[in-house]
Amino acid sequence: MDGIVIAGVASGVGKTVATLAVCRSLQRTGRVVQPAKAGPDFIDPSHHEAATWRASRTLDPWLEGESGMRRNYARGSGDVCVVEGMMGLYDGSTTSRPDVDEMDTSTAKVAESLSLPVVLVVDASAGMESVAATALGFREYAARAGLDLDVAGVLASRAHRGRHEDGVREALPDELTYFGRIPPREDLEIPERHLGLEMGDESPLSAEALDAAADGIRVEKLLDAAREPAWLTAAEEEDDASPRSDDVDDRPTVAVARDDAFRFVYAATRERLRERAEVVTFAPTAGDDLPDCDGVYLPGGYPELHAAELSDSPALSTLADRAADGLPVFGECGGLMALTESLTTVDGDTYEMAGVLPADVTMRERYQALDHVELRGRETALTCPEGRTLRGHEFHYSEADPATDARYAFDVIRGRGIDGERDGLMEYQTLGTYAHVHPESGAFDRFVDAVASATRRCRHI
């Protein structure tokens, strides 16, 4: 699988739209496109999936480690992998701060680790020659930062055809390829709300708009630049040699909430759960009750937008009863919120939630946390043994107010967690945390192991 990274000079230059346009242009040549996203993100990948009909891969060295990130890339399939970057190309880099002891999580580092060329998206709405100067500076900065990075060329965002496009293309030096332009059209703007863009199934770009954007892409130049990483064969062999599933007769059943309130799930998480367990889904906001299961996973999402439906859902009442009986339950961010006593919206309306975890949650106008996180287990919980560390990502607008006697699963090494020092509320065999984790962390394997162990104990009673 050849690959290419679509990176921006900054946030807001149109990377997502450019990525979707590149995917459409490749599809029109008959290629099967595998979308991917650098960094922790659930929203941009939803637009990838809406445009390509294929689940997007998450590629993040903090969440997965470099070897895990490569494995995740290798598990994709298709002719060309199109990786959308995060923020600006070098944002998150530690190369200019050698005294800082932390991992480089920039798009540049992702591209270097995966050995993929970079197509640089530059907002050309108010420039021509300056676009070339900006791109040349980004290319030369790689060497200055000590990165083995190939900035192959430029994709001009919000550029008109004719003199505007010609001015950008003619100003580029020979070492930078002109990959085309994205036209400045209103129907190529994706609406925003808190947590970022609206989801791909809520505000997908129309086929007409994507085709218009794809018309400006020089697809043959992209295909010439894309390449297959040399390490890919070894990663595929390593993945093929790893165990895929447990004994079919001993697989527990895990219920996964999947609806408008619970929708932030990495593709690799779905895959790993299905490898280790029988997965059944349910939709609490649609009135589904909790299905018969041995464990429950509540992903993140938008419970604050569906608090009334959740409050009336039979699933939360059943979940509360079964959690009290020892059913293993794991909730991430939005899942944590649904497991607490109550949820208060920004409008001041308060709704009862499942009441499993001793806390009340209130939504705020501004985000309360946005960072990669690292947690250390205070005591053995569903996803992490005592003393071990777990890496993840947090991004939320809510604030939790736990009871004074609440039990915490983690000390916060990096990030905010629940109170700046601790994260992960525990009660019975239930864990709710603000951190989103990736299966490469081992957290979901430990969760399934805990579910299977609890199931075996019940069978012996």
Protein backbone atom coordinates (compact mmCIF):
# COMPACT_ATOMS: atom_id res chain seq x y z
CA MET A 1 0.00 0.00 0.00
CA ASP A 2 1.51 3.28 -1.13
CA GLY A 3 1.02 6.23 1.19
CA ILE A 4 1.13 10.00 1.37
CA VAL A 5 0.60 12.56 4.17
CA ILE A 6 -1.59 15.64 3.68
CA ALA A 7 -0.21 18.19 6.13
CA GLY A 8 -0.96 21.85 6.76
CA VAL A 9 1.17 24.87 7.53
CA ALA A 10 -1.26 25.57 10.41
CA SER A 11 -4.68 24.64 11.71
CA GLY A 12 -7.57 26.00 9.69
CA VAL A 13 -5.93 25.92 6.25
CA GLY A 14 -8.34 23.30 4.92
CA LYS A 15 -6.52 20.01 5.55
CA THR A 16 -9.68 17.95 5.96
CA VAL A 17 -11.27 19.24 2.76
CA ALA A 18 -7.97 18.79 0.92
CA THR A 19 -7.70 15.22 2.21
CA LEU A 20 -11.24 14.42 1.06
CA ALA A 21 -10.53 15.96 -2.35
CA VAL A 22 -7.36 13.89 -2.72
CA CYS A 23 -9.27 10.75 -1.74
CA ARG A 24 -11.98 11.49 -4.31
CA SER A 25 -9.44 12.19 -7.06
CA LEU A 26 -7.73 8.85 -6.37
CA GLN A 27 -11.04 7.01 -6.28
CA ARG A 28 -11.93 8.38 -9.70
CA THR A 29 -8.86 6.63 -11.11
CA GLY A 30 -10.18 3.32 -9.78
CA ARG A 31 -7.85 3.16 -6.77
CA VAL A 32 -9.05 1.85 -3.42
CA VAL A 33 -8.22 4.52 -0.85
CA GLN A 34 -7.39 3.80 2.80
CA PRO A 35 -7.86 7.00 4.84
CA ALA A 36 -5.92 7.67 8.05
CA LYS A 37 -5.46 10.46 10.57
CA ALA A 38 -2.31 11.57 12.37
CA GLY A 39 -2.95 12.26 16.03
CA PRO A 40 -5.92 11.50 18.26
CA ASP A 41 -9.14 12.42 16.48
CA PHE A 42 -12.62 10.97 16.01
CA ILE A 43 -14.26 13.75 13.97
CA ASP A 44 -12.01 14.11 10.91
CA PRO A 45 -11.99 10.30 10.46
CA SER A 46 -15.79 10.36 10.35
CA HIS A 47 -15.54 12.60 7.28
CA HIS A 48 -12.95 10.25 5.78
CA GLU A 49 -15.36 7.35 6.21
CA ALA A 50 -18.30 9.29 4.76
CA ALA A 51 -16.26 10.11 1.65
CA THR A 52 -14.46 6.79 1.12
CA TRP A 53 -16.81 4.27 2.81
CA ARG A 54 -13.78 2.90 4.68
CA ALA A 55 -12.85 3.22 8.35
CA SER A 56 -9.98 5.64 8.94
CA ARG A 57 -6.82 4.49 10.77
CA THR A 58 -5.47 6.46 13.75
CA LEU A 59 -1.70 7.01 13.66
CA ASP A 60 -0.22 8.46 16.84
CA PRO A 61 3.19 7.62 18.35
CA TRP A 62 2.08 8.70 21.84
CA LEU A 63 -0.99 6.48 21.91
CA GLU A 64 0.52 3.52 20.07
CA GLY A 65 4.30 3.82 20.11
CA GLU A 66 6.17 3.83 16.82
CA SER A 67 5.91 0.06 16.32
CA GLY A 68 2.21 0.08 17.19
CA MET A 69 1.60 2.98 14.83
CA ARG A 70 3.29 1.05 12.03
CA ARG A 71 1.22 -2.05 12.82
CA ASN A 72 -1.94 0.03 12.68
CA TYR A 73 -0.90 1.43 9.29
CA ALA A 74 -0.12 -2.07 8.02
CA ARG A 75 -3.57 -3.31 9.04
CA GLY A 76 -5.11 -0.94 6.53
CA SER A 77 -5.82 -2.14 3.02
CA GLY A 78 -6.12 -0.60 -0.40
CA ASP A 79 -3.98 0.88 -3.14
CA VAL A 80 -3.12 4.22 -1.54
CA CYS A 81 -3.23 5.37 2.09
CA VAL A 82 -4.02 9.08 2.49
CA VAL A 83 -3.00 10.33 5.94
CA GLU A 84 -4.45 13.63 7.14
CA GLY A 85 -2.10 15.49 9.48
CA MET A 86 -2.99 17.42 12.62
CA MET A 87 -2.48 21.15 13.26
CA GLY A 88 0.61 22.47 11.42
CA LEU A 89 3.22 20.07 10.08
CA TYR A 90 5.75 20.68 12.89
CA ASP A 91 3.36 21.49 15.75
CA GLY A 92 3.96 19.11 18.65
CA SER A 93 7.60 18.63 17.68
CA THR A 94 10.28 18.51 20.37
CA THR A 95 13.25 18.86 18.00
CA SER A 96 13.71 22.53 18.89
CA ARG A 97 13.49 21.71 22.62
CA PRO A 98 16.14 19.05 23.29
CA ASP A 99 15.84 19.64 27.03
CA VAL A 100 12.21 18.49 26.98
CA ASP A 101 11.90 14.78 27.76
CA GLU A 102 8.76 13.81 25.91
CA MET A 103 7.72 12.16 22.68
CA ASP A 104 7.50 14.07 19.40
CA THR A 105 3.85 13.78 18.33
CA SER A 106 3.94 16.13 15.34
CA THR A 107 2.66 15.27 11.88
CA ALA A 108 6.28 15.60 10.72
CA LYS A 109 7.33 12.85 13.13
CA VAL A 110 4.45 10.62 12.02
CA ALA A 111 5.46 11.08 8.36
CA GLU A 112 9.12 10.40 9.16
CA SER A 113 8.33 7.29 11.23
CA LEU A 114 6.12 5.93 8.46
CA SER A 115 8.59 6.96 5.71
CA LEU A 116 5.87 8.78 3.77
CA PRO A 117 6.18 11.92 1.63
CA VAL A 118 4.32 15.09 2.64
CA VAL A 119 1.96 17.18 0.54
CA LEU A 120 1.80 20.61 2.17
CA VAL A 121 -1.59 22.35 2.24
CA VAL A 122 -1.16 26.14 2.14
CA ASP A 123 -4.02 28.65 2.34
CA ALA A 124 -3.61 30.56 -0.92
CA SER A 125 -6.67 32.78 -0.51
CA ALA A 126 -4.52 35.89 0.00
CA GLY A 127 -1.22 35.00 -1.63
CA MET A 128 0.67 33.63 -4.62
CA GLU A 129 4.46 33.93 -4.44
CA SER A 130 4.22 33.91 -0.66
CA VAL A 131 2.70 30.43 -0.86
CA ALA A 132 5.89 29.21 -2.53
CA ALA A 133 8.07 30.97 0.05
CA THR A 134 6.10 29.39 2.88
CA ALA A 135 6.35 25.92 1.37
CA LEU A 136 10.08 26.27 0.73
CA GLY A 137 10.61 27.30 4.34
CA PHE A 138 8.68 24.26 5.57
CA ARG A 139 10.79 22.00 3.37
CA GLU A 140 14.08 23.44 4.56
CA TYR A 141 13.05 23.40 8.22
CA ALA A 142 13.01 19.57 8.17
CA ALA A 143 16.79 19.45 7.71
CA ARG A 144 17.29 22.13 10.35
CA ALA A 145 15.21 20.07 12.78
CA GLY A 146 17.18 16.93 11.99
CA LEU A 147 14.22 15.12 10.44
CA ASP A 148 14.48 12.75 7.49
CA LEU A 149 11.37 14.21 5.90
CA ASP A 150 10.35 14.60 2.26
CA VAL A 151 8.14 17.67 1.77
CA ALA A 152 7.26 16.78 -1.80
CA GLY A 153 5.16 19.74 -2.85
CA VAL A 154 2.16 22.00 -2.39
CA LEU A 155 -1.61 21.79 -2.59
CA ALA A 156 -3.04 25.31 -2.80
CA SER A 157 -6.15 25.65 -0.65
CA ARG A 158 -8.87 28.19 -1.52
CA ALA A 159 -7.10 29.14 -4.75
CA HIS A 160 -8.92 30.45 -7.82
CA ARG A 161 -8.08 29.11 -11.25
CA GLY A 162 -6.33 31.19 -13.88
CA ARG A 163 -3.87 33.89 -12.85
CA HIS A 164 -4.11 33.02 -9.14
CA GLU A 165 -3.28 29.36 -9.63
CA ASP A 166 -0.63 30.12 -12.24
CA GLY A 167 1.08 32.53 -9.87
CA VAL A 168 1.36 29.89 -7.15
CA ARG A 169 2.56 27.17 -9.51
CA GLU A 170 5.13 29.30 -11.34
CA ALA A 171 6.64 30.59 -8.08
CA LEU A 172 7.44 27.11 -6.79
CA PRO A 173 11.08 25.99 -7.05
CA ASP A 174 11.87 22.80 -8.98
CA GLU A 175 12.18 20.69 -5.82
CA LEU A 176 8.54 21.34 -4.89
CA THR A 177 5.79 19.76 -7.00
CA TYR A 178 2.54 21.60 -7.59
CA PHE A 179 -0.22 19.10 -6.74
CA GLY A 180 -3.16 21.30 -7.62
CA ARG A 181 -5.71 23.49 -5.89
CA ILE A 182 -8.88 23.38 -3.82
CA PRO A 183 -11.39 25.99 -5.05
CA PRO A 184 -12.88 28.56 -2.63
CA ARG A 185 -16.46 27.24 -2.50
CA GLU A 186 -18.95 27.69 0.34
CA ASP A 187 -20.08 24.07 -0.02
CA LEU A 188 -16.53 22.96 0.81
CA GLU A 189 -16.77 24.42 4.34
CA ILE A 190 -17.63 21.98 7.14
CA PRO A 191 -19.66 23.47 10.04
CA GLU A 192 -18.05 23.60 13.48
CA ARG A 193 -19.26 23.16 17.06
CA HIS A 194 -17.62 22.35 20.38
CA LEU A 195 -15.04 19.54 20.08
CA GLY A 196 -14.37 20.56 16.45
CA LEU A 197 -16.17 19.98 13.16
CA GLU A 198 -19.57 18.38 12.91
CA MET A 199 -19.40 14.64 12.28
CA GLY A 200 -19.18 13.19 8.78
CA ASP A 201 -22.67 11.66 8.86
CA GLU A 202 -24.13 14.97 10.07
CA SER A 203 -22.52 17.35 7.57
CA PRO A 204 -20.91 15.33 4.77
CA LEU A 205 -19.60 17.19 1.78
CA SER A 206 -21.81 16.63 -1.24
CA ALA A 207 -20.65 14.51 -4.16
CA GLU A 208 -20.87 17.61 -6.38
CA ALA A 209 -18.61 19.62 -4.05
CA LEU A 210 -16.08 16.78 -3.72
CA ASP A 211 -15.98 16.31 -7.47
CA ALA A 212 -15.40 20.04 -7.97
CA ALA A 213 -12.52 19.90 -5.48
CA ALA A 214 -11.10 16.75 -7.06
CA ASP A 215 -11.12 18.43 -10.48
CA GLY A 216 -8.32 20.69 -9.30
CA ILE A 217 -6.06 17.86 -8.08
CA ARG A 218 -3.17 16.72 -10.29
CA VAL A 219 -3.75 13.10 -9.42
CA GLU A 220 -0.94 11.64 -11.55
CA LYS A 221 1.55 13.83 -9.68
CA LEU A 222 0.16 12.48 -6.40
CA LEU A 223 0.52 8.90 -7.58
CA ASP A 224 4.10 9.59 -8.62
CA ALA A 225 4.89 10.97 -5.15
CA ALA A 226 3.13 8.29 -3.07
CA ARG A 227 5.29 5.35 -2.06
CA GLU A 228 5.20 2.12 -0.12
CA PRO A 229 7.26 2.23 3.10
CA ALA A 230 10.21 -0.18 3.12
CA TRP A 231 9.29 -1.43 6.60
CA LEU A 232 5.73 -2.40 5.62
CA THR A 233 6.39 -6.06 4.74
CA ALA A 234 8.10 -6.71 8.09
CA ALA A 235 5.19 -5.08 9.96
CA GLU A 236 2.65 -7.22 8.09
CA GLU A 237 4.61 -10.38 8.91
CA GLU A 238 4.75 -9.39 12.60
CA ASP A 239 1.01 -8.74 12.63
CA ASP A 240 0.24 -12.04 10.88
CA ALA A 241 2.29 -13.91 13.49
CA SER A 242 0.35 -12.43 16.44
CA PRO A 243 -2.63 -14.29 17.94
CA ARG A 244 -5.94 -13.13 16.48
CA SER A 245 -8.59 -14.51 18.79
CA ASP A 246 -9.27 -16.50 21.90
CA ASP A 247 -10.95 -19.89 22.08
CA VAL A 248 -14.34 -19.36 20.43
CA ASP A 249 -16.08 -21.33 23.19
CA ASP A 250 -14.56 -19.09 25.88
CA ARG A 251 -15.12 -15.67 24.33
CA PRO A 252 -17.08 -13.25 26.52
CA THR A 253 -19.80 -11.00 25.12
CA VAL A 254 -19.09 -7.26 25.29
CA ALA A 255 -21.91 -4.77 24.72
CA VAL A 256 -20.73 -1.55 23.04
CA ALA A 257 -22.91 1.58 23.06
CA ARG A 258 -23.17 2.96 19.55
CA ASP A 259 -25.45 5.88 18.75
CA ASP A 260 -25.43 9.68 18.54
CA ALA A 261 -24.28 9.99 22.16
CA PHE A 262 -21.52 7.34 22.00
CA ARG A 263 -19.61 7.54 18.74
CA PHE A 264 -15.92 8.22 19.45
CA VAL A 265 -14.34 4.82 18.78
CA TYR A 266 -11.07 4.10 16.99
CA ALA A 267 -11.33 1.58 14.16
CA ALA A 268 -8.57 -0.46 15.83
CA THR A 269 -10.63 -0.61 19.03
CA ARG A 270 -13.58 -2.15 17.21
CA GLU A 271 -11.23 -4.61 15.53
CA ARG A 272 -9.50 -5.63 18.75
CA LEU A 273 -12.72 -6.15 20.66
CA ARG A 274 -14.06 -8.33 17.85
CA GLU A 275 -10.83 -10.35 17.86
CA ARG A 276 -11.13 -11.03 21.59
CA ALA A 277 -14.88 -11.09 22.25
CA GLU A 278 -18.35 -11.40 20.81
CA VAL A 279 -19.47 -7.80 20.32
CA VAL A 280 -23.09 -6.66 20.43
CA THR A 281 -24.07 -3.02 19.97
CA PHE A 282 -26.95 -1.09 21.46
CA ALA A 283 -28.29 2.46 21.12
CA PRO A 284 -29.35 3.95 24.48
CA THR A 285 -30.66 7.18 22.94
CA ALA A 286 -32.94 5.16 20.62
CA GLY A 287 -34.56 3.38 23.56
CA ASP A 288 -32.54 0.15 23.42
CA ASP A 289 -32.15 -1.72 26.67
CA LEU A 290 -28.82 -3.19 27.67
CA PRO A 291 -28.43 -6.51 25.82
CA ASP A 292 -27.41 -9.74 27.51
CA CYS A 293 -23.64 -9.42 27.96
CA ASP A 294 -20.63 -10.13 30.16
CA GLY A 295 -19.17 -6.61 30.02
CA VAL A 296 -19.97 -3.13 28.73
CA TYR A 297 -17.91 -0.51 26.90
CA LEU A 298 -19.28 3.05 26.75
CA PRO A 299 -17.18 5.14 24.32
CA GLY A 300 -16.94 8.90 24.24
CA GLY A 301 -19.25 11.10 22.24
CA TYR A 302 -21.90 13.74 22.84
CA PRO A 303 -24.02 12.67 25.84
CA GLU A 304 -24.58 16.36 26.63
CA LEU A 305 -26.53 16.75 23.36
CA HIS A 306 -28.76 13.77 24.17
CA ALA A 307 -29.04 14.02 27.95
CA ALA A 308 -32.86 13.87 27.99
CA GLU A 309 -32.95 10.68 25.90
CA LEU A 310 -30.23 9.10 28.02
CA SER A 311 -32.01 9.99 31.24
CA ASP A 312 -35.13 8.17 29.99
CA SER A 313 -33.22 5.23 28.53
CA PRO A 314 -33.92 1.79 30.02
CA ALA A 315 -30.32 0.87 29.21
CA LEU A 316 -28.94 3.16 31.92
CA SER A 317 -31.28 1.73 34.56
CA THR A 318 -30.38 -1.84 33.62
CA LEU A 319 -26.71 -0.90 33.51
CA ALA A 320 -26.91 0.52 37.04
CA ASP A 321 -28.44 -2.70 38.37
CA ARG A 322 -25.98 -4.96 36.61
CA ALA A 323 -22.98 -2.83 37.56
CA ALA A 324 -24.01 -3.15 41.21
CA ASP A 325 -24.00 -6.93 40.71
CA GLY A 326 -20.38 -6.79 39.51
CA LEU A 327 -20.72 -6.51 35.71
CA PRO A 328 -17.43 -5.06 34.34
CA VAL A 329 -18.11 -1.66 32.76
CA PHE A 330 -15.58 0.64 31.08
CA GLY A 331 -16.56 4.21 30.16
CA GLU A 332 -14.37 6.77 28.34
CA CYS A 333 -15.11 10.50 28.60
CA GLY A 334 -18.74 10.59 27.40
CA GLY A 335 -19.05 7.10 28.85
CA LEU A 336 -17.78 8.40 32.19
CA MET A 337 -20.36 11.19 32.06
CA ALA A 338 -23.21 8.74 31.45
CA LEU A 339 -22.11 6.61 34.41
CA THR A 340 -22.26 9.46 36.94
CA GLU A 341 -25.17 10.65 39.08
CA SER A 342 -26.21 13.60 36.92
CA LEU A 343 -25.33 15.69 33.87
CA THR A 344 -26.03 19.44 33.73
CA THR A 345 -26.02 21.08 30.31
CA VAL A 346 -24.70 24.56 29.46
CA ASP A 347 -28.32 25.75 29.56
CA GLY A 348 -28.54 24.70 33.22
CA ASP A 349 -30.83 21.70 32.74
CA THR A 350 -29.93 18.73 34.93
CA TYR A 351 -30.63 15.12 33.98
CA GLU A 352 -30.19 11.92 35.95
CA MET A 353 -27.62 9.52 34.53
CA ALA A 354 -26.90 5.89 35.46
CA GLY A 355 -25.73 6.75 38.97
CA VAL A 356 -23.02 4.09 39.09
CA LEU A 357 -20.12 6.48 39.77
CA PRO A 358 -20.30 9.00 42.66
CA ALA A 359 -19.97 12.28 40.78
CA ASP A 360 -22.00 15.01 39.10
CA VAL A 361 -20.96 16.43 35.73
CA THR A 362 -21.50 19.97 34.45
CA MET A 363 -20.88 21.20 30.91
CA ARG A 364 -18.82 24.39 30.46
CA GLU A 365 -18.64 26.92 27.62
CA ARG A 366 -14.90 26.36 27.11
CA TYR A 367 -12.94 23.15 26.90
CA GLN A 368 -11.56 21.92 30.22
CA ALA A 369 -8.81 19.67 28.87
CA LEU A 370 -7.03 19.05 25.55
CA ASP A 371 -3.81 17.06 25.62
CA HIS A 372 -2.09 13.75 25.39
CA VAL A 373 -2.23 12.19 28.84
CA GLU A 374 -0.24 9.70 30.88
CA LEU A 375 -1.71 7.96 33.91
CA ARG A 376 -0.22 5.72 36.60
CA GLY A 377 -2.38 3.06 38.22
CA ARG A 378 -3.12 3.72 41.90
CA GLU A 379 -4.61 0.26 42.23
CA THR A 380 -5.37 -2.44 39.73
CA ALA A 381 -8.33 -1.43 37.59
CA LEU A 382 -10.00 -2.84 34.48
CA THR A 383 -7.47 -1.34 32.07
CA CYS A 384 -4.23 -0.93 34.02
CA PRO A 385 -2.41 -2.74 36.85
CA GLU A 386 -1.24 -0.85 39.93
CA GLY A 387 2.01 1.01 39.31
CA ARG A 388 1.85 0.65 35.51
CA THR A 389 1.35 3.62 33.20
CA LEU A 390 -1.27 4.13 30.54
CA ARG A 391 -1.19 6.70 27.74
CA GLY A 392 -4.19 8.29 26.10
CA HIS A 393 -5.77 11.55 25.03
CA GLU A 394 -8.36 13.86 26.59
CA PHE A 395 -10.59 16.55 25.07
CA HIS A 396 -13.72 17.56 26.92
CA TYR A 397 -15.89 20.52 27.86
CA SER A 398 -17.32 18.94 30.99
CA GLU A 399 -16.22 19.15 34.62
CA ALA A 400 -16.78 16.34 37.10
CA ASP A 401 -17.48 16.93 40.81
CA PRO A 402 -16.83 13.59 42.58
CA ALA A 403 -17.94 12.70 46.09
CA THR A 404 -15.34 13.16 48.80
CA ASP A 405 -15.03 9.40 49.29
CA ALA A 406 -14.70 8.60 45.56
CA ARG A 407 -12.11 5.97 44.58
CA TYR A 408 -9.63 6.90 41.86
CA ALA A 409 -7.87 4.47 39.54
CA PHE A 410 -5.03 6.72 38.37
CA ASP A 411 -2.58 9.44 39.32
CA VAL A 412 -2.08 11.94 36.50
CA ILE A 413 1.49 12.18 35.21
CA ARG A 414 0.56 14.33 32.23
CA GLY A 415 -2.77 15.97 31.45
CA ARG A 416 -5.68 17.11 33.62
CA GLY A 417 -7.80 14.03 34.33
CA ILE A 418 -10.67 14.70 36.72
CA ASP A 419 -9.07 17.15 39.14
CA GLY A 420 -5.59 17.80 37.76
CA GLU A 421 -4.04 15.09 39.92
CA ARG A 422 -6.28 12.04 39.58
CA ASP A 423 -8.43 10.32 36.97
CA GLY A 424 -10.55 7.21 36.67
CA LEU A 425 -13.50 6.84 39.05
CA MET A 426 -14.13 3.29 40.27
CA GLU A 427 -17.14 1.60 41.84
CA TYR A 428 -17.91 -2.14 41.88
CA GLN A 429 -16.22 -3.41 38.67
CA THR A 430 -16.89 -0.13 36.84
CA LEU A 431 -14.23 2.31 35.62
CA GLY A 432 -14.94 5.71 34.11
CA THR A 433 -12.11 7.93 32.89
CA TYR A 434 -11.69 11.11 30.86
CA ALA A 435 -8.85 9.52 28.87
CA HIS A 436 -9.42 7.92 25.47
CA VAL A 437 -6.97 5.05 25.02
CA HIS A 438 -5.89 3.07 21.97
CA PRO A 439 -5.86 -0.76 21.88
CA GLU A 440 -2.09 -0.70 21.27
CA SER A 441 -1.82 0.43 24.92
CA GLY A 442 -3.09 -2.99 26.01
CA ALA A 443 -6.01 -1.42 27.87
CA PHE A 444 -8.72 -3.22 25.90
CA ASP A 445 -6.96 -6.57 26.17
CA ARG A 446 -6.88 -6.12 29.95
CA PHE A 447 -10.53 -5.09 29.93
CA VAL A 448 -11.56 -8.19 27.95
CA ASP A 449 -9.41 -10.35 30.26
CA ALA A 450 -11.23 -8.88 33.26
CA VAL A 451 -14.60 -9.53 31.60
CA ALA A 452 -13.63 -13.12 30.79
CA SER A 453 -12.37 -13.70 34.35
CA ALA A 454 -15.59 -12.34 35.85
CA THR A 455 -17.62 -14.51 33.48
CA ARG A 456 -15.74 -17.66 34.50
CA ARG A 457 -16.24 -16.87 38.18
CA CYS A 458 -20.00 -16.47 37.62
CA ARG A 459 -20.16 -19.81 35.81
CA HIS A 460 -18.53 -21.52 38.79
CA ILE A 461 -20.95 -20.08 41.32
